[in-house]
PDB file of all heavy atoms in Angstrom:
ATOM      1  N   LEU A   1     194.292 149.791 130.025  1.00  0.00           N
ATOM      2  CA  LEU A   1     193.738 148.729 130.860  1.00  0.00           C
ATOM      3  C   LEU A   1     193.101 149.286 132.143  1.00  0.00           C
ATOM      4  O   LEU A   1     192.059 148.775 132.586  1.00  0.00           O
ATOM      5  CB  LEU A   1     194.837 147.716 131.230  1.00  0.00           C
ATOM      6  CG  LEU A   1     195.135 146.659 130.184  1.00  0.00           C
ATOM      7  CD1 LEU A   1     196.383 145.879 130.560  1.00  0.00           C
ATOM      8  CD2 LEU A   1     193.939 145.677 130.031  1.00  0.00           C
ATOM      9  N   ALA A   2     193.726 150.341 132.683  1.00  0.00           N
ATOM     10  CA  ALA A   2     193.116 150.937 133.892  1.00  0.00           C
ATOM     11  C   ALA A   2     191.698 151.482 133.527  1.00  0.00           C
ATOM     12  O   ALA A   2     190.737 151.280 134.286  1.00  0.00           O
ATOM     13  CB  ALA A   2     193.962 152.044 134.408  1.00  0.00           C
ATOM     14  N   GLN A   3     191.617 152.133 132.354  1.00  0.00           N
ATOM     15  CA  GLN A   3     190.327 152.684 131.938  1.00  0.00           C
ATOM     16  C   GLN A   3     189.276 151.556 131.732  1.00  0.00           C
ATOM     17  O   GLN A   3     188.137 151.683 132.174  1.00  0.00           O
ATOM     18  CB  GLN A   3     190.528 153.423 130.612  1.00  0.00           C
ATOM     19  CG  GLN A   3     189.277 154.008 129.990  1.00  0.00           C
ATOM     20  CD  GLN A   3     189.586 154.735 128.697  1.00  0.00           C
ATOM     21  OE1 GLN A   3     190.604 155.403 128.551  1.00  0.00           O
ATOM     22  NE2 GLN A   3     188.739 154.571 127.685  1.00  0.00           N
ATOM     23  N   VAL A   4     189.706 150.480 131.107  1.00  0.00           N
ATOM     24  CA  VAL A   4     188.773 149.361 130.826  1.00  0.00           C
ATOM     25  C   VAL A   4     188.346 148.672 132.118  1.00  0.00           C
ATOM     26  O   VAL A   4     187.178 148.356 132.324  1.00  0.00           O
ATOM     27  CB  VAL A   4     189.400 148.385 129.828  1.00  0.00           C
ATOM     28  CG1 VAL A   4     188.606 147.081 129.726  1.00  0.00           C
ATOM     29  CG2 VAL A   4     189.581 149.001 128.454  1.00  0.00           C
ATOM     30  N   LEU A   5     189.327 148.418 132.976  1.00  0.00           N
ATOM     31  CA  LEU A   5     188.982 147.718 134.234  1.00  0.00           C
ATOM     32  C   LEU A   5     188.044 148.536 135.100  1.00  0.00           C
ATOM     33  O   LEU A   5     187.133 147.972 135.696  1.00  0.00           O
ATOM     34  CB  LEU A   5     190.267 147.394 134.983  1.00  0.00           C
ATOM     35  CG  LEU A   5     191.140 146.274 134.387  1.00  0.00           C
ATOM     36  CD1 LEU A   5     192.490 146.209 135.036  1.00  0.00           C
ATOM     37  CD2 LEU A   5     190.430 144.930 134.441  1.00  0.00           C
ATOM     38  N   ARG A   6     188.222 149.843 135.140  1.00  0.00           N
ATOM     39  CA  ARG A   6     187.271 150.684 135.895  1.00  0.00           C
ATOM     40  C   ARG A   6     185.885 150.570 135.290  1.00  0.00           C
ATOM     41  O   ARG A   6     184.877 150.508 136.027  1.00  0.00           O
ATOM     42  CB  ARG A   6     187.723 152.138 135.886  1.00  0.00           C
ATOM     43  CG  ARG A   6     188.983 152.417 136.716  1.00  0.00           C
ATOM     44  CD  ARG A   6     189.226 153.926 136.835  1.00  0.00           C
ATOM     45  NE  ARG A   6     190.557 154.224 137.307  1.00  0.00           N
ATOM     46  CZ  ARG A   6     191.572 154.581 136.535  1.00  0.00           C
ATOM     47  NH1 ARG A   6     191.351 154.741 135.235  1.00  0.00           N
ATOM     48  NH2 ARG A   6     192.750 154.829 137.019  1.00  0.00           N
ATOM     49  N   SER A   7     185.796 150.551 133.972  1.00  0.00           N
ATOM     50  CA  SER A   7     184.477 150.467 133.347  1.00  0.00           C
ATOM     51  C   SER A   7     183.840 149.081 133.577  1.00  0.00           C
ATOM     52  O   SER A   7     182.639 148.968 133.426  1.00  0.00           O
ATOM     53  CB  SER A   7     184.592 150.785 131.880  1.00  0.00           C
ATOM     54  OG  SER A   7     185.315 149.731 131.209  1.00  0.00           O
ATOM     55  N   LEU A   8     184.658 148.113 133.916  1.00  0.00           N
ATOM     56  CA  LEU A   8     184.098 146.783 134.236  1.00  0.00           C
ATOM     57  C   LEU A   8     183.781 146.663 135.721  1.00  0.00           C
ATOM     58  O   LEU A   8     183.414 145.547 136.153  1.00  0.00           O
ATOM     59  CB  LEU A   8     185.089 145.729 133.832  1.00  0.00           C
ATOM     60  CG  LEU A   8     185.287 145.502 132.291  1.00  0.00           C
ATOM     61  CD1 LEU A   8     186.386 144.540 132.027  1.00  0.00           C
ATOM     62  CD2 LEU A   8     183.995 145.055 131.644  1.00  0.00           C
ATOM     63  N   GLY A   9     183.897 147.718 136.474  1.00  0.00           N
ATOM     64  CA  GLY A   9     183.506 147.697 137.870  1.00  0.00           C
ATOM     65  C   GLY A   9     184.607 147.483 138.859  1.00  0.00           C
ATOM     66  O   GLY A   9     184.353 147.290 140.076  1.00  0.00           O
ATOM     67  N   VAL A  10     185.880 147.547 138.415  1.00  0.00           N
ATOM     68  CA  VAL A  10     186.999 147.341 139.311  1.00  0.00           C
ATOM     69  C   VAL A  10     187.383 148.684 139.935  1.00  0.00           C
ATOM     70  O   VAL A  10     187.708 149.641 139.212  1.00  0.00           O
ATOM     71  CB  VAL A  10     188.236 146.742 138.579  1.00  0.00           C
ATOM     72  CG1 VAL A  10     189.389 146.571 139.544  1.00  0.00           C
ATOM     73  CG2 VAL A  10     187.841 145.439 137.900  1.00  0.00           C
ATOM     74  N   PRO A  11     187.296 148.799 141.289  1.00  0.00           N
ATOM     75  CA  PRO A  11     187.650 150.108 141.908  1.00  0.00           C
ATOM     76  C   PRO A  11     189.168 150.336 141.814  1.00  0.00           C
ATOM     77  O   PRO A  11     189.944 149.438 141.654  1.00  0.00           O
ATOM     78  CB  PRO A  11     187.232 149.889 143.368  1.00  0.00           C
ATOM     79  CG  PRO A  11     187.191 148.425 143.576  1.00  0.00           C
ATOM     80  CD  PRO A  11     186.875 147.817 142.270  1.00  0.00           C
ATOM     81  N   ASN A  12     189.556 151.602 141.948  1.00  0.00           N
ATOM     82  CA  ASN A  12     190.992 151.963 141.890  1.00  0.00           C
ATOM     83  C   ASN A  12     191.818 151.205 142.893  1.00  0.00           C
ATOM     84  O   ASN A  12     192.972 150.885 142.605  1.00  0.00           O
ATOM     85  CB  ASN A  12     191.132 153.486 142.103  1.00  0.00           C
ATOM     86  CG  ASN A  12     190.710 154.284 140.923  1.00  0.00           C
ATOM     87  OD1 ASN A  12     190.781 153.806 139.795  1.00  0.00           O
ATOM     88  ND2 ASN A  12     190.290 155.533 141.156  1.00  0.00           N
ATOM     89  N   SER A  13     191.259 150.941 144.081  1.00  0.00           N
ATOM     90  CA  SER A  13     192.031 150.232 145.081  1.00  0.00           C
ATOM     91  C   SER A  13     192.369 148.816 144.705  1.00  0.00           C
ATOM     92  O   SER A  13     193.213 148.202 145.299  1.00  0.00           O
ATOM     93  CB  SER A  13     191.225 150.262 146.426  1.00  0.00           C
ATOM     94  OG  SER A  13     189.981 149.564 146.240  1.00  0.00           O
ATOM     95  N   ARG A  14     191.683 148.272 143.709  1.00  0.00           N
ATOM     96  CA  ARG A  14     191.910 146.905 143.298  1.00  0.00           C
ATOM     97  C   ARG A  14     192.703 146.779 142.001  1.00  0.00           C
ATOM     98  O   ARG A  14     192.896 145.671 141.479  1.00  0.00           O
ATOM     99  CB  ARG A  14     190.557 146.188 143.083  1.00  0.00           C
ATOM    100  CG  ARG A  14     189.592 146.397 144.258  1.00  0.00           C
ATOM    101  CD  ARG A  14     189.925 145.559 145.475  1.00  0.00           C
ATOM    102  NE  ARG A  14     189.690 144.164 145.287  1.00  0.00           N
ATOM    103  CZ  ARG A  14     188.486 143.569 145.381  1.00  0.00           C
ATOM    104  NH1 ARG A  14     187.434 144.299 145.620  1.00  0.00           N
ATOM    105  NH2 ARG A  14     188.331 142.275 145.183  1.00  0.00           N
ATOM    106  N   LEU A  15     193.160 147.929 141.439  1.00  0.00           N
ATOM    107  CA  LEU A  15     193.918 147.883 140.175  1.00  0.00           C
ATOM    108  C   LEU A  15     195.370 147.502 140.451  1.00  0.00           C
ATOM    109  O   LEU A  15     196.057 148.160 141.220  1.00  0.00           O
ATOM    110  CB  LEU A  15     193.884 149.270 139.510  1.00  0.00           C
ATOM    111  CG  LEU A  15     192.600 149.679 138.822  1.00  0.00           C
ATOM    112  CD1 LEU A  15     192.755 151.110 138.318  1.00  0.00           C
ATOM    113  CD2 LEU A  15     192.266 148.749 137.685  1.00  0.00           C
ATOM    114  N   PRO A  16     195.897 146.445 139.793  1.00  0.00           N
ATOM    115  CA  PRO A  16     197.290 146.147 139.907  1.00  0.00           C
ATOM    116  C   PRO A  16     198.103 147.274 139.330  1.00  0.00           C
ATOM    117  O   PRO A  16     197.656 148.004 138.452  1.00  0.00           O
ATOM    118  CB  PRO A  16     197.436 144.847 139.073  1.00  0.00           C
ATOM    119  CG  PRO A  16     196.045 144.269 138.994  1.00  0.00           C
ATOM    120  CD  PRO A  16     195.127 145.439 139.010  1.00  0.00           C
ATOM    121  N   ASP A  17     199.351 147.402 139.836  1.00  0.00           N
ATOM    122  CA  ASP A  17     200.209 148.516 139.398  1.00  0.00           C
ATOM    123  C   ASP A  17     200.955 148.207 138.107  1.00  0.00           C
ATOM    124  O   ASP A  17     201.399 149.127 137.418  1.00  0.00           O
ATOM    125  CB  ASP A  17     201.246 148.848 140.478  1.00  0.00           C
ATOM    126  CG  ASP A  17     200.592 149.389 141.747  1.00  0.00           C
ATOM    127  OD1 ASP A  17     199.536 150.071 141.590  1.00  0.00           O
ATOM    128  OD2 ASP A  17     201.089 149.117 142.816  1.00  0.00           O
ATOM    129  N   ASP A  18     201.073 146.951 137.751  1.00  0.00           N
ATOM    130  CA  ASP A  18     201.898 146.572 136.618  1.00  0.00           C
ATOM    131  C   ASP A  18     201.054 146.099 135.452  1.00  0.00           C
ATOM    132  O   ASP A  18     199.926 145.723 135.586  1.00  0.00           O
ATOM    133  CB  ASP A  18     202.913 145.484 136.971  1.00  0.00           C
ATOM    134  CG  ASP A  18     202.201 144.229 137.456  1.00  0.00           C
ATOM    135  OD1 ASP A  18     201.317 144.326 138.318  1.00  0.00           O
ATOM    136  OD2 ASP A  18     202.483 143.141 136.901  1.00  0.00           O
ATOM    137  N   LEU A  19     201.657 146.158 134.217  1.00  0.00           N
ATOM    138  CA  LEU A  19     200.966 145.758 133.023  1.00  0.00           C
ATOM    139  C   LEU A  19     200.509 144.285 133.022  1.00  0.00           C
ATOM    140  O   LEU A  19     199.371 143.958 132.715  1.00  0.00           O
ATOM    141  CB  LEU A  19     201.820 146.032 131.813  1.00  0.00           C
ATOM    142  CG  LEU A  19     201.223 145.693 130.442  1.00  0.00           C
ATOM    143  CD1 LEU A  19     200.008 146.495 130.158  1.00  0.00           C
ATOM    144  CD2 LEU A  19     202.276 145.866 129.344  1.00  0.00           C
ATOM    145  N   ALA A  20     201.432 143.430 133.518  1.00  0.00           N
ATOM    146  CA  ALA A  20     201.065 141.977 133.516  1.00  0.00           C
ATOM    147  C   ALA A  20     199.937 141.725 134.473  1.00  0.00           C
ATOM    148  O   ALA A  20     199.037 140.925 134.123  1.00  0.00           O
ATOM    149  CB  ALA A  20     202.321 141.190 133.941  1.00  0.00           C
ATOM    150  N   GLY A  21     199.922 142.393 135.612  1.00  0.00           N
ATOM    151  CA  GLY A  21     198.847 142.180 136.555  1.00  0.00           C
ATOM    152  C   GLY A  21     197.489 142.681 136.025  1.00  0.00           C
ATOM    153  O   GLY A  21     196.467 141.988 136.156  1.00  0.00           O
ATOM    154  N   ARG A  22     197.523 143.834 135.397  1.00  0.00           N
ATOM    155  CA  ARG A  22     196.266 144.372 134.855  1.00  0.00           C
ATOM    156  C   ARG A  22     195.776 143.493 133.661  1.00  0.00           C
ATOM    157  O   ARG A  22     194.551 143.244 133.529  1.00  0.00           O
ATOM    158  CB  ARG A  22     196.451 145.790 134.383  1.00  0.00           C
ATOM    159  CG  ARG A  22     196.645 146.797 135.528  1.00  0.00           C
ATOM    160  CD  ARG A  22     196.756 148.218 135.085  1.00  0.00           C
ATOM    161  NE  ARG A  22     197.046 149.066 136.227  1.00  0.00           N
ATOM    162  CZ  ARG A  22     197.222 150.368 136.192  1.00  0.00           C
ATOM    163  NH1 ARG A  22     197.163 150.982 134.987  1.00  0.00           N
ATOM    164  NH2 ARG A  22     197.457 151.087 137.253  1.00  0.00           N
ATOM    165  N   THR A  23     196.712 143.009 132.823  1.00  0.00           N
ATOM    166  CA  THR A  23     196.331 142.152 131.728  1.00  0.00           C
ATOM    167  C   THR A  23     195.703 140.866 132.235  1.00  0.00           C
ATOM    168  O   THR A  23     194.687 140.416 131.755  1.00  0.00           O
ATOM    169  CB  THR A  23     197.546 141.840 130.848  1.00  0.00           C
ATOM    170  OG1 THR A  23     198.168 143.048 130.402  1.00  0.00           O
ATOM    171  CG2 THR A  23     197.162 140.960 129.618  1.00  0.00           C
ATOM    172  N   ALA A  24     196.313 140.289 133.247  1.00  0.00           N
ATOM    173  CA  ALA A  24     195.776 139.022 133.788  1.00  0.00           C
ATOM    174  C   ALA A  24     194.372 139.210 134.385  1.00  0.00           C
ATOM    175  O   ALA A  24     193.477 138.419 134.230  1.00  0.00           O
ATOM    176  CB  ALA A  24     196.721 138.457 134.868  1.00  0.00           C
ATOM    177  N   LEU A  25     194.191 140.332 135.117  1.00  0.00           N
ATOM    178  CA  LEU A  25     192.909 140.587 135.721  1.00  0.00           C
ATOM    179  C   LEU A  25     191.857 140.829 134.642  1.00  0.00           C
ATOM    180  O   LEU A  25     190.722 140.327 134.739  1.00  0.00           O
ATOM    181  CB  LEU A  25     192.993 141.816 136.642  1.00  0.00           C
ATOM    182  CG  LEU A  25     191.670 142.292 137.294  1.00  0.00           C
ATOM    183  CD1 LEU A  25     191.104 141.161 138.140  1.00  0.00           C
ATOM    184  CD2 LEU A  25     191.942 143.513 138.184  1.00  0.00           C
ATOM    185  N   TYR A  26     192.199 141.600 133.628  1.00  0.00           N
ATOM    186  CA  TYR A  26     191.271 141.860 132.512  1.00  0.00           C
ATOM    187  C   TYR A  26     190.872 140.572 131.826  1.00  0.00           C
ATOM    188  O   TYR A  26     189.696 140.356 131.576  1.00  0.00           O
ATOM    189  CB  TYR A  26     191.971 142.800 131.526  1.00  0.00           C
ATOM    190  CG  TYR A  26     191.300 143.007 130.202  1.00  0.00           C
ATOM    191  CD1 TYR A  26     190.064 143.623 130.126  1.00  0.00           C
ATOM    192  CD2 TYR A  26     191.906 142.539 129.029  1.00  0.00           C
ATOM    193  CE1 TYR A  26     189.439 143.815 128.883  1.00  0.00           C
ATOM    194  CE2 TYR A  26     191.289 142.769 127.778  1.00  0.00           C
ATOM    195  CZ  TYR A  26     190.044 143.368 127.744  1.00  0.00           C
ATOM    196  OH  TYR A  26     189.444 143.574 126.535  1.00  0.00           O
ATOM    197  N   ARG A  27     191.834 139.729 131.552  1.00  0.00           N
ATOM    198  CA  ARG A  27     191.495 138.460 130.841  1.00  0.00           C
ATOM    199  C   ARG A  27     190.692 137.522 131.716  1.00  0.00           C
ATOM    200  O   ARG A  27     189.847 136.783 131.244  1.00  0.00           O
ATOM    201  CB  ARG A  27     192.762 137.809 130.333  1.00  0.00           C
ATOM    202  CG  ARG A  27     193.379 138.591 129.185  1.00  0.00           C
ATOM    203  CD  ARG A  27     194.688 138.035 128.685  1.00  0.00           C
ATOM    204  NE  ARG A  27     195.161 138.848 127.527  1.00  0.00           N
ATOM    205  CZ  ARG A  27     196.401 138.822 127.139  1.00  0.00           C
ATOM    206  NH1 ARG A  27     197.291 138.075 127.714  1.00  0.00           N
ATOM    207  NH2 ARG A  27     196.747 139.581 126.074  1.00  0.00           N
ATOM    208  N   SER A  28     190.925 137.580 133.039  1.00  0.00           N
ATOM    209  CA  SER A  28     190.121 136.766 133.947  1.00  0.00           C
ATOM    210  C   SER A  28     188.682 137.231 133.971  1.00  0.00           C
ATOM    211  O   SER A  28     187.735 136.449 133.936  1.00  0.00           O
ATOM    212  CB  SER A  28     190.718 136.817 135.364  1.00  0.00           C
ATOM    213  OG  SER A  28     191.992 136.278 135.375  1.00  0.00           O
ATOM    214  N   LEU A  29     188.487 138.554 134.015  1.00  0.00           N
ATOM    215  CA  LEU A  29     187.119 139.107 134.082  1.00  0.00           C
ATOM    216  C   LEU A  29     186.396 138.828 132.735  1.00  0.00           C
ATOM    217  O   LEU A  29     185.170 138.645 132.703  1.00  0.00           O
ATOM    218  CB  LEU A  29     187.147 140.618 134.309  1.00  0.00           C
ATOM    219  CG  LEU A  29     187.556 141.017 135.722  1.00  0.00           C
ATOM    220  CD1 LEU A  29     187.713 142.560 135.770  1.00  0.00           C
ATOM    221  CD2 LEU A  29     186.508 140.591 136.738  1.00  0.00           C
ATOM    222  N   MET A  30     187.116 138.813 131.653  1.00  0.00           N
ATOM    223  CA  MET A  30     186.505 138.653 130.328  1.00  0.00           C
ATOM    224  C   MET A  30     186.380 137.206 129.894  1.00  0.00           C
ATOM    225  O   MET A  30     185.770 136.896 128.847  1.00  0.00           O
ATOM    226  CB  MET A  30     187.346 139.404 129.255  1.00  0.00           C
ATOM    227  CG  MET A  30     187.364 140.918 129.470  1.00  0.00           C
ATOM    228  SD  MET A  30     185.889 141.697 128.881  1.00  0.00           S
ATOM    229  CE  MET A  30     186.178 141.696 127.121  1.00  0.00           C
ATOM    230  N   HIS A  31     186.952 136.298 130.649  1.00  0.00           N
ATOM    231  CA  HIS A  31     186.961 134.872 130.260  1.00  0.00           C
ATOM    232  C   HIS A  31     185.494 134.371 130.125  1.00  0.00           C
ATOM    233  O   HIS A  31     184.693 134.515 130.989  1.00  0.00           O
ATOM    234  CB  HIS A  31     187.655 134.029 131.308  1.00  0.00           C
ATOM    235  CG  HIS A  31     187.661 132.547 130.978  1.00  0.00           C
ATOM    236  ND1 HIS A  31     188.381 132.060 129.926  1.00  0.00           N
ATOM    237  CD2 HIS A  31     187.006 131.502 131.508  1.00  0.00           C
ATOM    238  CE1 HIS A  31     188.197 130.759 129.846  1.00  0.00           C
ATOM    239  NE2 HIS A  31     187.337 130.396 130.788  1.00  0.00           N
ATOM    240  N   GLY A  32     185.260 133.792 128.940  1.00  0.00           N
ATOM    241  CA  GLY A  32     183.935 133.237 128.692  1.00  0.00           C
ATOM    242  C   GLY A  32     182.858 134.268 128.279  1.00  0.00           C
ATOM    243  O   GLY A  32     181.735 133.918 127.954  1.00  0.00           O
ATOM    244  N   LYS A  33     183.250 135.561 128.300  1.00  0.00           N
ATOM    245  CA  LYS A  33     182.313 136.602 127.928  1.00  0.00           C
ATOM    246  C   LYS A  33     182.309 136.814 126.420  1.00  0.00           C
ATOM    247  O   LYS A  33     183.328 136.663 125.773  1.00  0.00           O
ATOM    248  CB  LYS A  33     182.665 137.947 128.641  1.00  0.00           C
ATOM    249  CG  LYS A  33     182.689 137.879 130.142  1.00  0.00           C
ATOM    250  CD  LYS A  33     181.265 137.712 130.661  1.00  0.00           C
ATOM    251  CE  LYS A  33     181.271 137.694 132.174  1.00  0.00           C
ATOM    252  NZ  LYS A  33     179.904 137.448 132.727  1.00  0.00           N
ATOM    253  N   ARG A  34     181.151 137.137 125.901  1.00  0.00           N
ATOM    254  CA  ARG A  34     181.030 137.469 124.465  1.00  0.00           C
ATOM    255  C   ARG A  34     180.881 138.995 124.412  1.00  0.00           C
ATOM    256  O   ARG A  34     179.825 139.553 124.466  1.00  0.00           O
ATOM    257  CB  ARG A  34     179.865 136.740 123.837  1.00  0.00           C
ATOM    258  CG  ARG A  34     179.999 135.250 123.870  1.00  0.00           C
ATOM    259  CD  ARG A  34     178.945 134.569 123.052  1.00  0.00           C
ATOM    260  NE  ARG A  34     179.103 134.920 121.657  1.00  0.00           N
ATOM    261  CZ  ARG A  34     178.200 134.659 120.727  1.00  0.00           C
ATOM    262  NH1 ARG A  34     177.044 134.086 121.050  1.00  0.00           N
ATOM    263  NH2 ARG A  34     178.427 134.973 119.438  1.00  0.00           N
ATOM    264  N   MET A  35     182.034 139.656 124.339  1.00  0.00           N
ATOM    265  CA  MET A  35     182.106 141.111 124.431  1.00  0.00           C
ATOM    266  C   MET A  35     182.640 141.614 123.135  1.00  0.00           C
ATOM    267  O   MET A  35     183.517 141.044 122.448  1.00  0.00           O
ATOM    268  CB  MET A  35     183.014 141.534 125.566  1.00  0.00           C
ATOM    269  CG  MET A  35     182.885 142.939 126.005  1.00  0.00           C
ATOM    270  SD  MET A  35     181.617 143.186 127.248  1.00  0.00           S
ATOM    271  CE  MET A  35     182.465 142.555 128.722  1.00  0.00           C
ATOM    272  N   LEU A  36     182.155 142.784 122.718  1.00  0.00           N
ATOM    273  CA  LEU A  36     182.660 143.507 121.523  1.00  0.00           C
ATOM    274  C   LEU A  36     183.569 144.625 122.025  1.00  0.00           C
ATOM    275  O   LEU A  36     183.092 145.514 122.764  1.00  0.00           O
ATOM    276  CB  LEU A  36     181.502 144.020 120.688  1.00  0.00           C
ATOM    277  CG  LEU A  36     181.855 144.744 119.382  1.00  0.00           C
ATOM    278  CD1 LEU A  36     182.648 143.795 118.469  1.00  0.00           C
ATOM    279  CD2 LEU A  36     180.595 145.223 118.697  1.00  0.00           C
ATOM    280  N   VAL A  37     184.818 144.640 121.610  1.00  0.00           N
ATOM    281  CA  VAL A  37     185.819 145.650 122.061  1.00  0.00           C
ATOM    282  C   VAL A  37     186.238 146.468 120.845  1.00  0.00           C
ATOM    283  O   VAL A  37     186.765 145.888 119.886  1.00  0.00           O
ATOM    284  CB  VAL A  37     187.004 144.957 122.737  1.00  0.00           C
ATOM    285  CG1 VAL A  37     187.978 146.027 123.266  1.00  0.00           C
ATOM    286  CG2 VAL A  37     186.544 144.046 123.868  1.00  0.00           C
ATOM    287  N   VAL A  38     186.061 147.770 120.915  1.00  0.00           N
ATOM    288  CA  VAL A  38     186.528 148.686 119.810  1.00  0.00           C
ATOM    289  C   VAL A  38     187.714 149.440 120.326  1.00  0.00           C
ATOM    290  O   VAL A  38     187.608 150.218 121.329  1.00  0.00           O
ATOM    291  CB  VAL A  38     185.391 149.627 119.354  1.00  0.00           C
ATOM    292  CG1 VAL A  38     185.944 150.535 118.254  1.00  0.00           C
ATOM    293  CG2 VAL A  38     184.200 148.818 118.861  1.00  0.00           C
ATOM    294  N   LEU A  39     188.838 149.291 119.685  1.00  0.00           N
ATOM    295  CA  LEU A  39     190.106 150.023 120.030  1.00  0.00           C
ATOM    296  C   LEU A  39     190.377 150.963 118.889  1.00  0.00           C
ATOM    297  O   LEU A  39     190.843 150.566 117.817  1.00  0.00           O
ATOM    298  CB  LEU A  39     191.244 149.024 120.250  1.00  0.00           C
ATOM    299  CG  LEU A  39     191.006 147.884 121.259  1.00  0.00           C
ATOM    300  CD1 LEU A  39     192.199 146.977 121.332  1.00  0.00           C
ATOM    301  CD2 LEU A  39     190.674 148.473 122.627  1.00  0.00           C
ATOM    302  N   ASP A  40     190.115 152.222 119.137  1.00  0.00           N
ATOM    303  CA  ASP A  40     190.165 153.242 118.063  1.00  0.00           C
ATOM    304  C   ASP A  40     191.498 153.944 118.055  1.00  0.00           C
ATOM    305  O   ASP A  40     192.002 154.338 119.102  1.00  0.00           O
ATOM    306  CB  ASP A  40     189.016 154.256 118.307  1.00  0.00           C
ATOM    307  CG  ASP A  40     188.655 155.005 117.039  1.00  0.00           C
ATOM    308  OD1 ASP A  40     189.143 154.672 115.957  1.00  0.00           O
ATOM    309  OD2 ASP A  40     187.868 155.943 117.151  1.00  0.00           O
TER     310      ASP A  40
END
């Protein structure tokens, strides 16, 4: 999630420290977006 959030323009200073916080931020940024995500 840290890797993905940085690629979406979130600076390190704005990254939550916990999994729940990062998940919530990621889903908020992606809400309504039509994005293709490849998890290899």
